[in-house]
Structures are given as structure tokens and as C-alpha cells.
Amino acid sequence: MPAILDFVRALAAFERAPDAVKATAPMLHDALFGAAPAAEAVIAERDGAAIGFAIFYTTFSTWTGRRGMWLDDLYVAPGARGSGAGAALLAHLAGIAVARDYARFEWWVLDWNLPAIEFYRAKGAVAQDEWTVQRVDGAALHALAHAAPGERG
């Protein structure tokens, strides 16, 4: 868990949000290995040392009638970039998706992260530019949850 949390923090710093990580090692342990796991993780290693990771979870599409995979985080340590670890992680996850008969393998990438976008395009990923991410969190989430039925739309 310490390696995963270190990677999560490093990814947040890379994505210009170093203070956004609220997860703790016990929280991640419960999410990955608890009674009702919310996600799965894979670790890339070189010479017995963790050099990257990916966190993913199952989604569902009513359009396909099948499950899919959502890649929440993929990170390779700076010193290991260009080693093939990122490609190996993606290929491994694609293999899991195929073995489980998932219809899709999807993820977000920040629009300013051009090296990652180019990397994903080279692997066959196709942008879904017609979609925009919508999020409700914090106070807005609580307000929505407690809105009167007539206020919910």
C-alpha cells in the first residue's frame, strides 16, 4: 500500500494537484482488498522494485449490455518512463478486459498532457471529444442529495 499511495501522490503532483489526495493507505487497502472491493490494482516492477501502477474498476454500458473497464490512474515513475512499463501496463489491462469479455476500456487524460495523448493514440485509443465530464462533489453534492423533490428537476 505504501508504494501505491506514493504513486497516487506523485501522479497528483504531476497533474498539478499535489494537495488533492485525501486517500490514506488504510482507505486504499479497503478499496482494493476489503469486503467489497471498489477497484483493482496492478504494479509494474523492474528488478523487484515498483516503477509504476494502474488502478481500474468495472463499469457498465446499457448500450452494449456489457461491462467495461475504467482506468482511473496509470503512472510510471519518471526514471522508468520510456522503458515500456506504461505500454506493458496498458497491454496487461487490455488483456484483462478481453479475458473478462468487457466491451470497452476507457480512461480520461488531461488535455494538456500531450505526451500521454500521443502515447494513447499510438496504442489505438480514440478521443471521445463530444463528451464533457460533469462532476458534483463537496457542498454541491450534499445540496443535491438533500434537495426537495421539486428542486431536483
N, C-alpha and C. Protein backbone atom coordinates (compact mmCIF):
# COMPACT_ATOMS: atom_id res chain seq x y z
N MET A 1 0.80 -1.20 0.00
CA MET A 1 0.00 0.00 0.00
C MET A 1 0.85 1.27 0.00
N PRO A 2 1.99 1.26 0.69
CA PRO A 2 2.80 2.48 0.66
C PRO A 2 3.25 2.86 -0.76
N ALA A 3 3.61 1.87 -1.57
CA ALA A 3 4.05 2.17 -2.95
C ALA A 3 2.89 2.74 -3.76
N ILE A 4 1.70 2.16 -3.62
CA ILE A 4 0.55 2.66 -4.36
C ILE A 4 0.24 4.09 -3.93
N LEU A 5 0.23 4.36 -2.64
CA LEU A 5 -0.05 5.71 -2.16
C LEU A 5 1.02 6.69 -2.63
N ASP A 6 2.27 6.26 -2.63
CA ASP A 6 3.34 7.12 -3.16
C ASP A 6 3.10 7.44 -4.63
N PHE A 7 2.70 6.44 -5.41
CA PHE A 7 2.41 6.68 -6.82
C PHE A 7 1.21 7.61 -7.00
N VAL A 8 0.18 7.44 -6.18
CA VAL A 8 -1.00 8.31 -6.25
C VAL A 8 -0.58 9.76 -5.98
N ARG A 9 0.23 9.95 -4.97
CA ARG A 9 0.70 11.31 -4.65
C ARG A 9 1.58 11.88 -5.76
N ALA A 10 2.44 11.06 -6.32
CA ALA A 10 3.30 11.53 -7.42
C ALA A 10 2.46 11.89 -8.64
N LEU A 11 1.44 11.09 -8.93
CA LEU A 11 0.55 11.40 -10.05
C LEU A 11 -0.19 12.70 -9.80
N ALA A 12 -0.68 12.90 -8.60
CA ALA A 12 -1.38 14.15 -8.28
C ALA A 12 -0.46 15.35 -8.45
N ALA A 13 0.78 15.23 -8.02
CA ALA A 13 1.74 16.32 -8.20
C ALA A 13 1.99 16.58 -9.68
N PHE A 14 2.15 15.52 -10.46
CA PHE A 14 2.34 15.66 -11.91
C PHE A 14 1.15 16.34 -12.55
N GLU A 15 -0.06 16.03 -12.07
CA GLU A 15 -1.28 16.59 -12.64
C GLU A 15 -1.63 17.94 -12.02
N ARG A 16 -0.65 18.55 -11.34
CA ARG A 16 -0.77 19.91 -10.80
C ARG A 16 -1.81 20.03 -9.69
N ALA A 17 -1.99 18.95 -8.94
CA ALA A 17 -2.94 18.96 -7.83
C ALA A 17 -2.34 18.22 -6.63
N PRO A 18 -1.17 18.65 -6.17
CA PRO A 18 -0.49 17.88 -5.12
C PRO A 18 -1.24 17.78 -3.81
N ASP A 19 -2.12 18.73 -3.53
CA ASP A 19 -2.86 18.71 -2.26
C ASP A 19 -4.22 18.04 -2.37
N ALA A 20 -4.54 17.49 -3.53
CA ALA A 20 -5.86 16.90 -3.76
C ALA A 20 -6.01 15.51 -3.17
N VAL A 21 -4.93 14.82 -2.91
CA VAL A 21 -5.01 13.44 -2.42
C VAL A 21 -5.45 13.41 -0.96
N LYS A 22 -6.58 12.80 -0.73
CA LYS A 22 -7.11 12.63 0.62
C LYS A 22 -7.02 11.17 1.07
N ALA A 23 -6.76 10.28 0.14
CA ALA A 23 -6.68 8.84 0.43
C ALA A 23 -5.53 8.55 1.38
N THR A 24 -5.75 7.53 2.20
CA THR A 24 -4.72 7.02 3.09
C THR A 24 -4.44 5.57 2.71
N ALA A 25 -3.36 5.02 3.20
CA ALA A 25 -3.05 3.62 2.93
C ALA A 25 -4.18 2.70 3.40
N PRO A 26 -4.75 2.89 4.60
CA PRO A 26 -5.87 2.03 5.01
C PRO A 26 -7.09 2.18 4.08
N MET A 27 -7.38 3.39 3.64
CA MET A 27 -8.51 3.59 2.73
C MET A 27 -8.28 2.83 1.42
N LEU A 28 -7.09 2.95 0.87
CA LEU A 28 -6.79 2.24 -0.38
C LEU A 28 -6.81 0.74 -0.17
N HIS A 29 -6.30 0.28 0.95
CA HIS A 29 -6.31 -1.16 1.24
C HIS A 29 -7.74 -1.67 1.26
N ASP A 30 -8.63 -0.94 1.93
CA ASP A 30 -10.03 -1.36 1.99
C ASP A 30 -10.66 -1.32 0.60
N ALA A 31 -10.36 -0.29 -0.19
CA ALA A 31 -10.94 -0.17 -1.54
C ALA A 31 -10.47 -1.28 -2.46
N LEU A 32 -9.25 -1.76 -2.27
CA LEU A 32 -8.69 -2.79 -3.14
C LEU A 32 -8.87 -4.21 -2.60
N PHE A 33 -8.86 -4.36 -1.28
CA PHE A 33 -8.85 -5.70 -0.70
C PHE A 33 -9.92 -5.92 0.37
N GLY A 34 -10.79 -4.96 0.58
CA GLY A 34 -11.81 -5.07 1.62
C GLY A 34 -12.92 -6.03 1.23
N ALA A 35 -13.96 -6.03 2.04
CA ALA A 35 -15.09 -6.95 1.84
C ALA A 35 -15.80 -6.71 0.52
N ALA A 36 -15.85 -5.48 0.06
CA ALA A 36 -16.50 -5.14 -1.22
C ALA A 36 -15.54 -4.26 -2.03
N PRO A 37 -14.53 -4.87 -2.66
CA PRO A 37 -13.53 -4.07 -3.38
C PRO A 37 -14.17 -3.15 -4.43
N ALA A 38 -13.69 -1.91 -4.45
CA ALA A 38 -14.19 -0.90 -5.39
C ALA A 38 -13.33 -0.85 -6.65
N ALA A 39 -12.11 -1.35 -6.56
CA ALA A 39 -11.17 -1.25 -7.67
C ALA A 39 -10.14 -2.36 -7.56
N GLU A 40 -9.33 -2.44 -8.60
CA GLU A 40 -8.21 -3.39 -8.63
C GLU A 40 -6.95 -2.63 -8.98
N ALA A 41 -5.81 -3.18 -8.66
CA ALA A 41 -4.54 -2.53 -8.94
C ALA A 41 -3.56 -3.52 -9.55
N VAL A 42 -2.70 -3.02 -10.40
CA VAL A 42 -1.57 -3.78 -10.90
C VAL A 42 -0.33 -2.91 -10.74
N ILE A 43 0.78 -3.56 -10.47
CA ILE A 43 2.05 -2.87 -10.25
C ILE A 43 3.04 -3.32 -11.32
N ALA A 44 3.75 -2.37 -11.87
CA ALA A 44 4.86 -2.68 -12.79
C ALA A 44 6.13 -2.69 -11.96
N GLU A 45 6.94 -3.72 -12.13
CA GLU A 45 8.18 -3.83 -11.38
C GLU A 45 9.36 -4.02 -12.32
N ARG A 46 10.51 -3.54 -11.87
CA ARG A 46 11.77 -3.81 -12.55
C ARG A 46 12.78 -4.14 -11.47
N ASP A 47 13.40 -5.29 -11.59
CA ASP A 47 14.38 -5.76 -10.62
C ASP A 47 13.81 -5.75 -9.19
N GLY A 48 12.54 -6.12 -9.07
CA GLY A 48 11.90 -6.23 -7.77
C GLY A 48 11.43 -4.92 -7.18
N ALA A 49 11.62 -3.81 -7.88
CA ALA A 49 11.19 -2.51 -7.37
C ALA A 49 9.98 -2.02 -8.16
N ALA A 50 9.00 -1.47 -7.47
CA ALA A 50 7.81 -0.93 -8.12
C ALA A 50 8.20 0.32 -8.91
N ILE A 51 7.84 0.35 -10.20
CA ILE A 51 8.16 1.51 -11.05
C ILE A 51 6.91 2.16 -11.63
N GLY A 52 5.75 1.55 -11.41
CA GLY A 52 4.52 2.13 -11.92
C GLY A 52 3.32 1.35 -11.43
N PHE A 53 2.14 1.89 -11.71
CA PHE A 53 0.93 1.21 -11.27
C PHE A 53 -0.24 1.64 -12.12
N ALA A 54 -1.30 0.88 -12.02
CA ALA A 54 -2.57 1.23 -12.63
C ALA A 54 -3.68 0.79 -11.67
N ILE A 55 -4.69 1.64 -11.55
CA ILE A 55 -5.88 1.34 -10.76
C ILE A 55 -7.05 1.34 -11.73
N PHE A 56 -7.88 0.30 -11.67
CA PHE A 56 -9.01 0.21 -12.59
C PHE A 56 -10.22 -0.38 -11.89
N TYR A 57 -11.38 -0.17 -12.49
CA TYR A 57 -12.61 -0.75 -11.94
C TYR A 57 -13.58 -1.04 -13.07
N THR A 58 -14.61 -1.79 -12.73
CA THR A 58 -15.60 -2.22 -13.71
C THR A 58 -16.66 -1.15 -13.89
N THR A 59 -17.06 -0.96 -15.15
CA THR A 59 -18.17 -0.07 -15.50
C THR A 59 -19.24 -0.92 -16.18
N PHE A 60 -20.33 -0.29 -16.57
CA PHE A 60 -21.37 -0.98 -17.31
C PHE A 60 -21.97 -0.02 -18.33
N SER A 61 -22.25 -0.54 -19.52
CA SER A 61 -22.89 0.24 -20.58
C SER A 61 -24.24 -0.36 -20.91
N THR A 62 -25.28 0.44 -20.77
CA THR A 62 -26.59 -0.04 -21.19
C THR A 62 -26.64 -0.19 -22.70
N TRP A 63 -25.83 0.56 -23.42
CA TRP A 63 -25.84 0.48 -24.89
C TRP A 63 -25.27 -0.84 -25.38
N THR A 64 -24.21 -1.32 -24.73
CA THR A 64 -23.63 -2.60 -25.16
C THR A 64 -24.22 -3.77 -24.38
N GLY A 65 -24.82 -3.47 -23.21
CA GLY A 65 -25.34 -4.53 -22.36
C GLY A 65 -24.23 -5.32 -21.69
N ARG A 66 -23.04 -4.74 -21.67
CA ARG A 66 -21.88 -5.45 -21.12
C ARG A 66 -21.07 -4.54 -20.21
N ARG A 67 -20.25 -5.18 -19.44
CA ARG A 67 -19.32 -4.46 -18.56
C ARG A 67 -18.18 -3.87 -19.38
N GLY A 68 -17.51 -2.94 -18.75
CA GLY A 68 -16.31 -2.35 -19.32
C GLY A 68 -15.30 -2.11 -18.23
N MET A 69 -14.17 -1.58 -18.61
CA MET A 69 -13.11 -1.28 -17.65
C MET A 69 -12.83 0.22 -17.70
N TRP A 70 -12.73 0.84 -16.54
CA TRP A 70 -12.33 2.23 -16.44
C TRP A 70 -10.97 2.28 -15.77
N LEU A 71 -10.01 2.85 -16.45
CA LEU A 71 -8.67 3.05 -15.92
C LEU A 71 -8.68 4.37 -15.16
N ASP A 72 -8.60 4.30 -13.85
CA ASP A 72 -8.65 5.52 -13.05
C ASP A 72 -7.29 6.20 -13.02
N ASP A 73 -6.24 5.45 -12.77
CA ASP A 73 -4.89 6.01 -12.71
C ASP A 73 -3.91 5.09 -13.40
N LEU A 74 -2.99 5.67 -14.14
CA LEU A 74 -1.84 4.95 -14.67
C LEU A 74 -0.66 5.89 -14.47
N TYR A 75 0.38 5.38 -13.84
CA TYR A 75 1.55 6.22 -13.55
C TYR A 75 2.80 5.36 -13.63
N VAL A 76 3.81 5.92 -14.26
CA VAL A 76 5.14 5.31 -14.31
C VAL A 76 6.11 6.34 -13.77
N ALA A 77 6.96 5.93 -12.85
CA ALA A 77 7.94 6.84 -12.26
C ALA A 77 8.80 7.47 -13.34
N PRO A 78 9.18 8.74 -13.17
CA PRO A 78 9.95 9.43 -14.21
C PRO A 78 11.18 8.68 -14.69
N GLY A 79 11.92 8.06 -13.79
CA GLY A 79 13.12 7.34 -14.18
C GLY A 79 12.86 6.09 -14.98
N ALA A 80 11.61 5.63 -15.00
CA ALA A 80 11.26 4.40 -15.72
C ALA A 80 10.48 4.68 -17.00
N ARG A 81 10.19 5.95 -17.26
CA ARG A 81 9.45 6.27 -18.48
C ARG A 81 10.31 5.97 -19.70
N GLY A 82 9.66 5.47 -20.72
CA GLY A 82 10.39 5.07 -21.92
C GLY A 82 10.91 3.64 -21.86
N SER A 83 10.68 2.96 -20.73
CA SER A 83 11.17 1.59 -20.55
C SER A 83 10.19 0.54 -21.07
N GLY A 84 8.99 0.99 -21.44
CA GLY A 84 7.95 0.05 -21.86
C GLY A 84 6.99 -0.31 -20.75
N ALA A 85 7.20 0.24 -19.55
CA ALA A 85 6.33 -0.10 -18.43
C ALA A 85 4.90 0.37 -18.66
N GLY A 86 4.73 1.58 -19.18
CA GLY A 86 3.38 2.08 -19.45
C GLY A 86 2.67 1.24 -20.48
N ALA A 87 3.38 0.89 -21.54
CA ALA A 87 2.79 0.05 -22.59
C ALA A 87 2.45 -1.33 -22.03
N ALA A 88 3.31 -1.85 -21.16
CA ALA A 88 3.05 -3.16 -20.56
C ALA A 88 1.82 -3.11 -19.66
N LEU A 89 1.68 -2.03 -18.89
CA LEU A 89 0.50 -1.89 -18.04
C LEU A 89 -0.77 -1.82 -18.88
N LEU A 90 -0.76 -1.01 -19.94
CA LEU A 90 -1.94 -0.90 -20.81
C LEU A 90 -2.26 -2.24 -21.45
N ALA A 91 -1.26 -2.93 -21.95
CA ALA A 91 -1.49 -4.22 -22.59
C ALA A 91 -2.03 -5.24 -21.60
N HIS A 92 -1.51 -5.22 -20.39
CA HIS A 92 -1.99 -6.14 -19.35
C HIS A 92 -3.46 -5.87 -19.04
N LEU A 93 -3.81 -4.60 -18.90
CA LEU A 93 -5.21 -4.25 -18.62
C LEU A 93 -6.11 -4.62 -19.79
N ALA A 94 -5.65 -4.38 -21.02
CA ALA A 94 -6.43 -4.78 -22.18
C ALA A 94 -6.65 -6.28 -22.18
N GLY A 95 -5.64 -7.03 -21.78
CA GLY A 95 -5.78 -8.48 -21.69
C GLY A 95 -6.82 -8.89 -20.66
N ILE A 96 -6.85 -8.19 -19.53
CA ILE A 96 -7.88 -8.47 -18.52
C ILE A 96 -9.26 -8.18 -19.11
N ALA A 97 -9.39 -7.03 -19.78
CA ALA A 97 -10.68 -6.66 -20.37
C ALA A 97 -11.15 -7.69 -21.38
N VAL A 98 -10.25 -8.17 -22.22
CA VAL A 98 -10.61 -9.19 -23.22
C VAL A 98 -10.98 -10.50 -22.53
N ALA A 99 -10.18 -10.91 -21.55
CA ALA A 99 -10.45 -12.17 -20.85
C ALA A 99 -11.79 -12.14 -20.13
N ARG A 100 -12.19 -10.98 -19.64
CA ARG A 100 -13.45 -10.85 -18.93
C ARG A 100 -14.62 -10.49 -19.86
N ASP A 101 -14.35 -10.43 -21.14
CA ASP A 101 -15.36 -10.11 -22.15
C ASP A 101 -15.97 -8.72 -21.95
N TYR A 102 -15.15 -7.77 -21.57
CA TYR A 102 -15.60 -6.39 -21.43
C TYR A 102 -15.74 -5.78 -22.82
N ALA A 103 -16.71 -4.89 -22.97
CA ALA A 103 -16.95 -4.23 -24.26
C ALA A 103 -16.02 -3.05 -24.48
N ARG A 104 -15.54 -2.43 -23.40
CA ARG A 104 -14.78 -1.19 -23.51
C ARG A 104 -13.65 -1.13 -22.48
N PHE A 105 -12.66 -0.34 -22.82
CA PHE A 105 -11.55 0.00 -21.93
C PHE A 105 -11.37 1.51 -22.10
N GLU A 106 -11.70 2.26 -21.07
CA GLU A 106 -11.74 3.72 -21.19
C GLU A 106 -10.98 4.41 -20.06
N TRP A 107 -10.63 5.68 -20.30
CA TRP A 107 -9.98 6.49 -19.29
C TRP A 107 -10.01 7.95 -19.72
N TRP A 108 -9.68 8.82 -18.79
CA TRP A 108 -9.51 10.25 -19.06
C TRP A 108 -8.03 10.54 -19.20
N VAL A 109 -7.73 11.59 -19.92
CA VAL A 109 -6.37 12.13 -19.95
C VAL A 109 -6.51 13.65 -20.00
N LEU A 110 -5.71 14.33 -19.22
CA LEU A 110 -5.77 15.79 -19.21
C LEU A 110 -5.39 16.34 -20.58
N ASP A 111 -6.13 17.35 -21.03
CA ASP A 111 -5.92 17.86 -22.39
C ASP A 111 -4.56 18.50 -22.61
N TRP A 112 -3.86 18.88 -21.55
CA TRP A 112 -2.53 19.47 -21.69
C TRP A 112 -1.41 18.42 -21.69
N ASN A 113 -1.75 17.18 -21.38
CA ASN A 113 -0.73 16.12 -21.27
C ASN A 113 -0.49 15.51 -22.66
N LEU A 114 0.11 16.28 -23.54
CA LEU A 114 0.30 15.85 -24.92
C LEU A 114 1.13 14.57 -25.07
N PRO A 115 2.20 14.37 -24.28
CA PRO A 115 2.92 13.10 -24.41
C PRO A 115 2.03 11.88 -24.13
N ALA A 116 1.17 11.99 -23.11
CA ALA A 116 0.27 10.87 -22.80
C ALA A 116 -0.75 10.69 -23.91
N ILE A 117 -1.29 11.79 -24.43
CA ILE A 117 -2.27 11.69 -25.51
C ILE A 117 -1.64 11.01 -26.73
N GLU A 118 -0.45 11.42 -27.09
CA GLU A 118 0.24 10.79 -28.23
C GLU A 118 0.51 9.31 -27.96
N PHE A 119 0.91 8.99 -26.75
CA PHE A 119 1.16 7.60 -26.37
C PHE A 119 -0.11 6.77 -26.52
N TYR A 120 -1.25 7.30 -26.00
CA TYR A 120 -2.51 6.57 -26.08
C TYR A 120 -2.97 6.43 -27.53
N ARG A 121 -2.81 7.46 -28.33
CA ARG A 121 -3.21 7.38 -29.76
C ARG A 121 -2.40 6.29 -30.47
N ALA A 122 -1.11 6.22 -30.13
CA ALA A 122 -0.24 5.21 -30.75
C ALA A 122 -0.68 3.79 -30.38
N LYS A 123 -1.40 3.67 -29.26
CA LYS A 123 -1.89 2.37 -28.82
C LYS A 123 -3.30 2.07 -29.33
N GLY A 124 -3.85 3.00 -30.13
CA GLY A 124 -5.16 2.77 -30.73
C GLY A 124 -6.32 3.45 -30.03
N ALA A 125 -6.05 4.26 -29.00
CA ALA A 125 -7.13 4.96 -28.30
C ALA A 125 -7.73 6.03 -29.21
N VAL A 126 -9.02 6.24 -29.06
CA VAL A 126 -9.74 7.24 -29.84
C VAL A 126 -10.40 8.22 -28.87
N ALA A 127 -10.16 9.52 -29.08
CA ALA A 127 -10.75 10.54 -28.22
C ALA A 127 -12.26 10.56 -28.35
N GLN A 128 -12.92 10.82 -27.26
CA GLN A 128 -14.37 10.96 -27.22
C GLN A 128 -14.68 12.44 -26.98
N ASP A 129 -14.26 13.29 -27.90
CA ASP A 129 -14.31 14.73 -27.71
C ASP A 129 -15.71 15.31 -27.59
N GLU A 130 -16.71 14.58 -28.04
CA GLU A 130 -18.07 15.12 -27.95
C GLU A 130 -18.65 15.03 -26.55
N TRP A 131 -17.95 14.37 -25.64
CA TRP A 131 -18.40 14.23 -24.27
C TRP A 131 -17.65 15.21 -23.37
N THR A 132 -18.34 15.76 -22.38
CA THR A 132 -17.67 16.57 -21.37
C THR A 132 -17.92 15.94 -20.02
N VAL A 133 -16.95 16.05 -19.16
CA VAL A 133 -17.05 15.49 -17.82
C VAL A 133 -17.90 16.41 -16.97
N GLN A 134 -18.81 15.84 -16.24
CA GLN A 134 -19.64 16.57 -15.29
C GLN A 134 -19.35 16.00 -13.91
N ARG A 135 -19.23 16.89 -12.92
CA ARG A 135 -18.92 16.42 -11.57
C ARG A 135 -19.70 17.23 -10.56
N VAL A 136 -20.21 16.53 -9.56
CA VAL A 136 -20.80 17.17 -8.40
C VAL A 136 -20.07 16.59 -7.20
N ASP A 137 -19.48 17.46 -6.38
CA ASP A 137 -18.81 16.97 -5.18
C ASP A 137 -18.92 18.01 -4.07
N GLY A 138 -18.39 17.67 -2.92
CA GLY A 138 -18.39 18.59 -1.79
C GLY A 138 -19.76 19.10 -1.42
N ALA A 139 -19.85 20.39 -1.17
CA ALA A 139 -21.11 21.01 -0.75
C ALA A 139 -22.20 20.86 -1.80
N ALA A 140 -21.83 20.95 -3.07
CA ALA A 140 -22.83 20.81 -4.14
C ALA A 140 -23.43 19.40 -4.13
N LEU A 141 -22.63 18.38 -3.87
CA LEU A 141 -23.13 17.01 -3.79
C LEU A 141 -24.14 16.88 -2.65
N HIS A 142 -23.80 17.44 -1.50
CA HIS A 142 -24.70 17.37 -0.35
C HIS A 142 -25.98 18.15 -0.61
N ALA A 143 -25.85 19.30 -1.25
CA ALA A 143 -27.05 20.09 -1.57
C ALA A 143 -27.96 19.32 -2.52
N LEU A 144 -27.40 18.68 -3.52
CA LEU A 144 -28.20 17.90 -4.47
C LEU A 144 -28.88 16.73 -3.76
N ALA A 145 -28.14 16.05 -2.92
CA ALA A 145 -28.70 14.90 -2.21
C ALA A 145 -29.85 15.29 -1.29
N HIS A 146 -29.82 16.49 -0.79
CA HIS A 146 -30.84 16.93 0.15
C HIS A 146 -31.87 17.86 -0.48
N ALA A 147 -31.82 18.01 -1.78
CA ALA A 147 -32.78 18.89 -2.45
C ALA A 147 -34.19 18.29 -2.36
N ALA A 148 -35.15 19.18 -2.23
CA ALA A 148 -36.55 18.74 -2.21
C ALA A 148 -36.90 18.15 -3.58
N PRO A 149 -37.81 17.18 -3.66
CA PRO A 149 -38.15 16.56 -4.94
C PRO A 149 -38.42 17.54 -6.07
N GLY A 150 -39.11 18.63 -5.79
CA GLY A 150 -39.39 19.62 -6.83
C GLY A 150 -38.17 20.40 -7.29
N GLU A 151 -37.12 20.42 -6.46
CA GLU A 151 -35.88 21.14 -6.79
C GLU A 151 -34.90 20.28 -7.57
N ARG A 152 -35.17 19.00 -7.68
CA ARG A 152 -34.24 18.08 -8.34
C ARG A 152 -34.39 18.09 -9.86
N GLY A 153 -35.44 18.68 -10.35
CA GLY A 153 -35.63 18.75 -11.80
C GLY A 153 -36.47 17.66 -12.22
